[in-house]
C-alpha atoms as a PDB file:
ATOM      1  CA  UNK A   1     -62.658  30.462  20.659  1.00  0.00           C
ATOM      2  CA  UNK A   2     -60.546  31.901  23.453  1.00  0.00           C
ATOM      3  CA  UNK A   3     -59.317  35.375  24.153  1.00  0.00           C
ATOM      4  CA  UNK A   4     -56.344  34.188  26.180  1.00  0.00           C
ATOM      5  CA  UNK A   5     -54.143  36.862  27.679  1.00  0.00           C
ATOM      6  CA  UNK A   6     -50.927  36.753  25.700  1.00  0.00           C
ATOM      7  CA  UNK A   7     -47.499  38.216  26.156  1.00  0.00           C
ATOM      8  CA  UNK A   8     -47.433  41.894  25.217  1.00  0.00           C
ATOM      9  CA  UNK A   9     -45.476  41.141  22.024  1.00  0.00           C
ATOM     10  CA  UNK A  10     -48.141  38.799  20.657  1.00  0.00           C
ATOM     11  CA  UNK A  11     -51.601  40.313  20.271  1.00  0.00           C
ATOM     12  CA  UNK A  12     -54.651  38.189  19.570  1.00  0.00           C
ATOM     13  CA  UNK A  13     -58.232  38.859  18.439  1.00  0.00           C
ATOM     14  CA  UNK A  14     -59.557  42.210  19.750  1.00  0.00           C
ATOM     15  CA  UNK A  15     -56.103  43.252  20.985  1.00  0.00           C
ATOM     16  CA  UNK A  16     -55.082  43.871  17.359  1.00  0.00           C
ATOM     17  CA  UNK A  17     -55.884  47.560  16.756  1.00  0.00           C
ATOM     18  CA  UNK A  18     -54.008  48.161  13.495  1.00  0.00           C
ATOM     19  CA  UNK A  19     -55.941  48.012  10.257  1.00  0.00           C
ATOM     20  CA  UNK A  20     -55.438  46.729   7.548  1.00  0.00           C
ATOM     21  CA  UNK A  21     -53.547  43.470   8.157  1.00  0.00           C
ATOM     22  CA  UNK A  22     -52.128  40.727   5.932  1.00  0.00           C
ATOM     23  CA  UNK A  23     -53.927  37.476   6.785  1.00  0.00           C
ATOM     24  CA  UNK A  24     -52.560  33.930   6.534  1.00  0.00           C
ATOM     25  CA  UNK A  25     -54.748  30.851   7.076  1.00  0.00           C
ATOM     26  CA  UNK A  26     -53.948  27.959   9.395  1.00  0.00           C
ATOM     27  CA  UNK A  27     -52.613  25.939   6.438  1.00  0.00           C
ATOM     28  CA  UNK A  28     -50.292  28.804   5.408  1.00  0.00           C
ATOM     29  CA  UNK A  29     -52.270  30.127   2.427  1.00  0.00           C
ATOM     30  CA  UNK A  30     -52.454  33.920   2.109  1.00  0.00           C
ATOM     31  CA  UNK A  31     -55.896  35.504   2.186  1.00  0.00           C
ATOM     32  CA  UNK A  32     -54.394  38.886   1.346  1.00  0.00           C
ATOM     33  CA  UNK A  33     -54.655  42.317   2.943  1.00  0.00           C
ATOM     34  CA  UNK A  34     -57.976  43.057   4.655  1.00  0.00           C
ATOM     35  CA  UNK A  35     -59.490  45.117   7.458  1.00  0.00           C
ATOM     36  CA  UNK A  36     -58.875  43.782  10.967  1.00  0.00           C
ATOM     37  CA  UNK A  37     -62.621  43.404  11.579  1.00  0.00           C
ATOM     38  CA  UNK A  38     -62.994  41.261   8.437  1.00  0.00           C
ATOM     39  CA  UNK A  39     -59.970  39.137   9.392  1.00  0.00           C
ATOM     40  CA  UNK A  40     -61.393  38.637  12.883  1.00  0.00           C
ATOM     41  CA  UNK A  41     -64.747  37.624  11.387  1.00  0.00           C
ATOM     42  CA  UNK A  42     -62.946  35.135   9.128  1.00  0.00           C
ATOM     43  CA  UNK A  43     -61.122  33.646  12.147  1.00  0.00           C
ATOM     44  CA  UNK A  44     -64.354  33.387  14.158  1.00  0.00           C
ATOM     45  CA  UNK A  45     -66.076  31.715  11.221  1.00  0.00           C
ATOM     46  CA  UNK A  46     -63.519  28.876  11.397  1.00  0.00           C
ATOM     47  CA  UNK A  47     -63.632  28.822  15.223  1.00  0.00           C
ATOM     48  CA  UNK A  48     -60.001  29.911  15.615  1.00  0.00           C
ATOM     49  CA  UNK A  49     -58.055  32.973  16.821  1.00  0.00           C
ATOM     50  CA  UNK A  50     -56.447  35.810  14.883  1.00  0.00           C
ATOM     51  CA  UNK A  51     -52.836  36.122  16.077  1.00  0.00           C
ATOM     52  CA  UNK A  52     -50.406  38.895  15.168  1.00  0.00           C
ATOM     53  CA  UNK A  53     -47.190  37.116  14.163  1.00  0.00           C
ATOM     54  CA  UNK A  54     -45.180  39.958  12.582  1.00  0.00           C
ATOM     55  CA  UNK A  55     -46.201  43.267  14.211  1.00  0.00           C
ATOM     56  CA  UNK A  56     -43.285  45.287  12.747  1.00  0.00           C
ATOM     57  CA  UNK A  57     -44.180  44.625   9.104  1.00  0.00           C
ATOM     58  CA  UNK A  58     -46.329  47.027   7.102  1.00  0.00           C
ATOM     59  CA  UNK A  59     -49.082  45.930   7.039  1.00  0.00           C
ATOM     60  CA  UNK A  60     -48.737  43.663  10.114  1.00  0.00           C
ATOM     61  CA  UNK A  61     -49.003  39.935   9.415  1.00  0.00           C
ATOM     62  CA  UNK A  62     -51.726  38.017  11.267  1.00  0.00           C
ATOM     63  CA  UNK A  63     -52.356  34.293  11.215  1.00  0.00           C
ATOM     64  CA  UNK A  64     -55.575  32.390  11.822  1.00  0.00           C
ATOM     65  CA  UNK A  65     -54.728  29.614  14.309  1.00  0.00           C
ATOM     66  CA  UNK A  66     -55.704  27.927  17.564  1.00  0.00           C
ATOM     67  CA  UNK A  67     -53.773  30.142  19.974  1.00  0.00           C
ATOM     68  CA  UNK A  68     -54.040  27.767  22.950  1.00  0.00           C
ATOM     69  CA  UNK A  69     -52.611  24.908  20.895  1.00  0.00           C
ATOM     70  CA  UNK A  70     -49.884  27.203  19.542  1.00  0.00           C
ATOM     71  CA  UNK A  71     -48.819  28.285  23.066  1.00  0.00           C
ATOM     72  CA  UNK A  72     -48.849  24.652  24.239  1.00  0.00           C
ATOM     73  CA  UNK A  73     -46.600  23.532  21.366  1.00  0.00           C
ATOM     74  CA  UNK A  74     -44.290  26.509  21.941  1.00  0.00           C
ATOM     75  CA  UNK A  75     -43.946  25.623  25.630  1.00  0.00           C
ATOM     76  CA  UNK A  76     -43.379  21.948  24.762  1.00  0.00           C
ATOM     77  CA  UNK A  77     -40.671  22.894  22.241  1.00  0.00           C
ATOM     78  CA  UNK A  78     -38.967  25.141  24.777  1.00  0.00           C
ATOM     79  CA  UNK A  79     -39.078  22.419  27.426  1.00  0.00           C
ATOM     80  CA  UNK A  80     -37.612  19.872  25.015  1.00  0.00           C
ATOM     81  CA  UNK A  81     -34.785  22.199  24.005  1.00  0.00           C
ATOM     82  CA  UNK A  82     -33.601  22.605  27.582  1.00  0.00           C
ATOM     83  CA  UNK A  83     -30.718  20.196  27.951  1.00  0.00           C
ATOM     84  CA  UNK A  84     -30.522  17.956  31.004  1.00  0.00           C
ATOM     85  CA  UNK A  85     -27.957  19.246  33.467  1.00  0.00           C
ATOM     86  CA  UNK A  86     -25.781  16.225  34.242  1.00  0.00           C
ATOM     87  CA  UNK A  87     -25.157  15.986  37.949  1.00  0.00           C
ATOM     88  CA  UNK A  88     -22.592  13.824  39.633  1.00  0.00           C
ATOM     89  CA  UNK A  89     -23.970  11.740  42.487  1.00  0.00           C
ATOM     90  CA  UNK A  90     -21.868   9.740  44.898  1.00  0.00           C
ATOM     91  CA  UNK A  91     -22.401   6.546  46.818  1.00  0.00           C
ATOM     92  CA  UNK A  92     -19.945   5.843  49.613  1.00  0.00           C
ATOM     93  CA  UNK A  93     -19.227   2.393  50.948  1.00  0.00           C
ATOM     94  CA  UNK A  94     -16.662   0.836  53.239  1.00  0.00           C
ATOM     95  CA  UNK A  95     -14.743  -2.408  52.707  1.00  0.00           C
ATOM     96  CA  UNK A  96     -16.858  -4.073  55.419  1.00  0.00           C
ATOM     97  CA  UNK A  97     -20.251  -2.833  54.118  1.00  0.00           C
ATOM     98  CA  UNK A  98     -22.839  -5.636  54.388  1.00  0.00           C
ATOM     99  CA  UNK A  99     -24.596  -7.167  51.391  1.00  0.00           C
ATOM    100  CA  UNK A 100     -28.024  -5.688  52.159  1.00  0.00           C
ATOM    101  CA  UNK A 101     -26.595  -2.217  52.765  1.00  0.00           C
ATOM    102  CA  UNK A 102     -24.633  -2.519  49.542  1.00  0.00           C
ATOM    103  CA  UNK A 103     -27.804  -3.529  47.681  1.00  0.00           C
ATOM    104  CA  UNK A 104     -29.578  -0.427  49.046  1.00  0.00           C
ATOM    105  CA  UNK A 105     -26.727   1.804  47.849  1.00  0.00           C
ATOM    106  CA  UNK A 106     -26.821   0.105  44.426  1.00  0.00           C
ATOM    107  CA  UNK A 107     -30.582   0.764  44.185  1.00  0.00           C
ATOM    108  CA  UNK A 108     -29.944   4.464  44.870  1.00  0.00           C
ATOM    109  CA  UNK A 109     -27.255   4.458  42.181  1.00  0.00           C
ATOM    110  CA  UNK A 110     -29.748   2.867  39.759  1.00  0.00           C
ATOM    111  CA  UNK A 111     -32.179   5.744  40.382  1.00  0.00           C
ATOM    112  CA  UNK A 112     -29.422   8.295  39.774  1.00  0.00           C
ATOM    113  CA  UNK A 113     -28.444   6.578  36.525  1.00  0.00           C
ATOM    114  CA  UNK A 114     -32.097   6.377  35.437  1.00  0.00           C
ATOM    115  CA  UNK A 115     -32.267  10.179  35.780  1.00  0.00           C
ATOM    116  CA  UNK A 116     -29.207  10.463  33.473  1.00  0.00           C
ATOM    117  CA  UNK A 117     -26.803  11.434  36.258  1.00  0.00           C
ATOM    118  CA  UNK A 118     -23.269  10.153  36.669  1.00  0.00           C
ATOM    119  CA  UNK A 119     -22.402   8.143  39.772  1.00  0.00           C
ATOM    120  CA  UNK A 120     -19.108   8.057  41.615  1.00  0.00           C
ATOM    121  CA  UNK A 121     -18.622   4.909  43.678  1.00  0.00           C
ATOM    122  CA  UNK A 122     -16.283   5.696  46.565  1.00  0.00           C
ATOM    123  CA  UNK A 123     -14.809   3.177  48.989  1.00  0.00           C
ATOM    124  CA  UNK A 124     -13.485   4.910  52.107  1.00  0.00           C
ATOM    125  CA  UNK A 125     -10.738   3.198  54.082  1.00  0.00           C
ATOM    126  CA  UNK A 126     -10.094   3.900  57.769  1.00  0.00           C
ATOM    127  CA  UNK A 127      -7.235   2.879  59.997  1.00  0.00           C
ATOM    128  CA  UNK A 128      -6.014  -0.647  59.413  1.00  0.00           C
ATOM    129  CA  UNK A 129      -8.368  -1.152  56.468  1.00  0.00           C
ATOM    130  CA  UNK A 130      -5.665   0.507  54.328  1.00  0.00           C
ATOM    131  CA  UNK A 131      -3.600  -2.642  54.719  1.00  0.00           C
ATOM    132  CA  UNK A 132      -6.351  -4.568  52.873  1.00  0.00           C
ATOM    133  CA  UNK A 133      -7.051  -2.518  49.741  1.00  0.00           C
ATOM    134  CA  UNK A 134      -8.075  -5.692  47.916  1.00  0.00           C
ATOM    135  CA  UNK A 135     -11.207  -5.891  50.123  1.00  0.00           C
ATOM    136  CA  UNK A 136     -12.237  -2.440  48.886  1.00  0.00           C
ATOM    137  CA  UNK A 137     -11.529  -3.512  45.327  1.00  0.00           C
ATOM    138  CA  UNK A 138     -13.860  -6.506  45.774  1.00  0.00           C
ATOM    139  CA  UNK A 139     -16.641  -4.161  46.921  1.00  0.00           C
ATOM    140  CA  UNK A 140     -16.135  -1.876  43.887  1.00  0.00           C
ATOM    141  CA  UNK A 141     -16.146  -4.886  41.539  1.00  0.00           C
ATOM    142  CA  UNK A 142     -19.350  -6.149  43.159  1.00  0.00           C
ATOM    143  CA  UNK A 143     -21.042  -2.747  42.666  1.00  0.00           C
ATOM    144  CA  UNK A 144     -19.859  -2.601  39.038  1.00  0.00           C
ATOM    145  CA  UNK A 145     -21.241  -6.087  38.423  1.00  0.00           C
ATOM    146  CA  UNK A 146     -24.631  -5.183  39.951  1.00  0.00           C
ATOM    147  CA  UNK A 147     -24.876  -1.986  37.870  1.00  0.00           C
ATOM    148  CA  UNK A 148     -23.499  -3.446  34.614  1.00  0.00           C
ATOM    149  CA  UNK A 149     -26.966  -3.595  32.999  1.00  0.00           C
ATOM    150  CA  UNK A 150     -27.702   0.147  33.349  1.00  0.00           C
ATOM    151  CA  UNK A 151     -24.266   1.809  33.363  1.00  0.00           C
ATOM    152  CA  UNK A 152     -20.893   1.900  31.718  1.00  0.00           C
ATOM    153  CA  UNK A 153     -17.572   2.526  33.441  1.00  0.00           C
ATOM    154  CA  UNK A 154     -16.356   6.002  32.599  1.00  0.00           C
ATOM    155  CA  UNK A 155     -13.289   5.944  34.852  1.00  0.00           C
ATOM    156  CA  UNK A 156     -11.945   2.647  36.197  1.00  0.00           C
ATOM    157  CA  UNK A 157     -11.329   2.175  39.939  1.00  0.00           C
ATOM    158  CA  UNK A 158      -8.407   4.297  41.100  1.00  0.00           C
ATOM    159  CA  UNK A 159      -6.900   4.271  44.588  1.00  0.00           C
ATOM    160  CA  UNK A 160      -5.555   7.510  46.023  1.00  0.00           C
ATOM    161  CA  UNK A 161      -5.026   8.170  49.685  1.00  0.00           C
ATOM    162  CA  UNK A 162      -7.793   6.795  51.867  1.00  0.00           C
ATOM    163  CA  UNK A 163     -10.247   6.471  48.965  1.00  0.00           C
ATOM    164  CA  UNK A 164     -10.855   4.271  45.962  1.00  0.00           C
ATOM    165  CA  UNK A 165     -13.111   5.864  43.348  1.00  0.00           C
ATOM    166  CA  UNK A 166     -14.787   4.713  40.152  1.00  0.00           C
ATOM    167  CA  UNK A 167     -17.048   6.802  37.877  1.00  0.00           C
ATOM    168  CA  UNK A 168     -20.121   5.351  36.154  1.00  0.00           C
ATOM    169  CA  UNK A 169     -22.175   6.948  33.382  1.00  0.00           C
ATOM    170  CA  UNK A 170     -25.684   5.946  32.252  1.00  0.00           C
ATOM    171  CA  UNK A 171     -25.893   3.680  29.192  1.00  0.00           C
END
């Protein structure tokens, strides 16, 4: 049995000063209205804590439960309810990027997609490379082919200015 320090709004065990209290068992059955000392003795008998769950009621409602387990489940529920913030990550390549360098960039993109982030594949053209846009398109197609197993194309390759971009989302 623990006397864990709780938030001020949730009193447990000896912190409950009000008497009498309405007591509910761990299974949810009502034991009725009894003195706080008796309720605490009942909780100790089962090896659990007496937790004030509705302090504003008259008489206050207390529940016999494992407070540590309750706090753990509450924290787990709160953590699960927090939605993943989708971030957009970018990998930049050039039309002349080598195969090994491209494979390294693809591996980074795989990690981003595994963490449920979107990936923008950008091919940057410089100088005379703009005359050979098809080379950049081949690089984008190669990246899409390598990432086909873990991603889906959200926006197809589009060329504007000195860049060609394509957006991928996790499957």
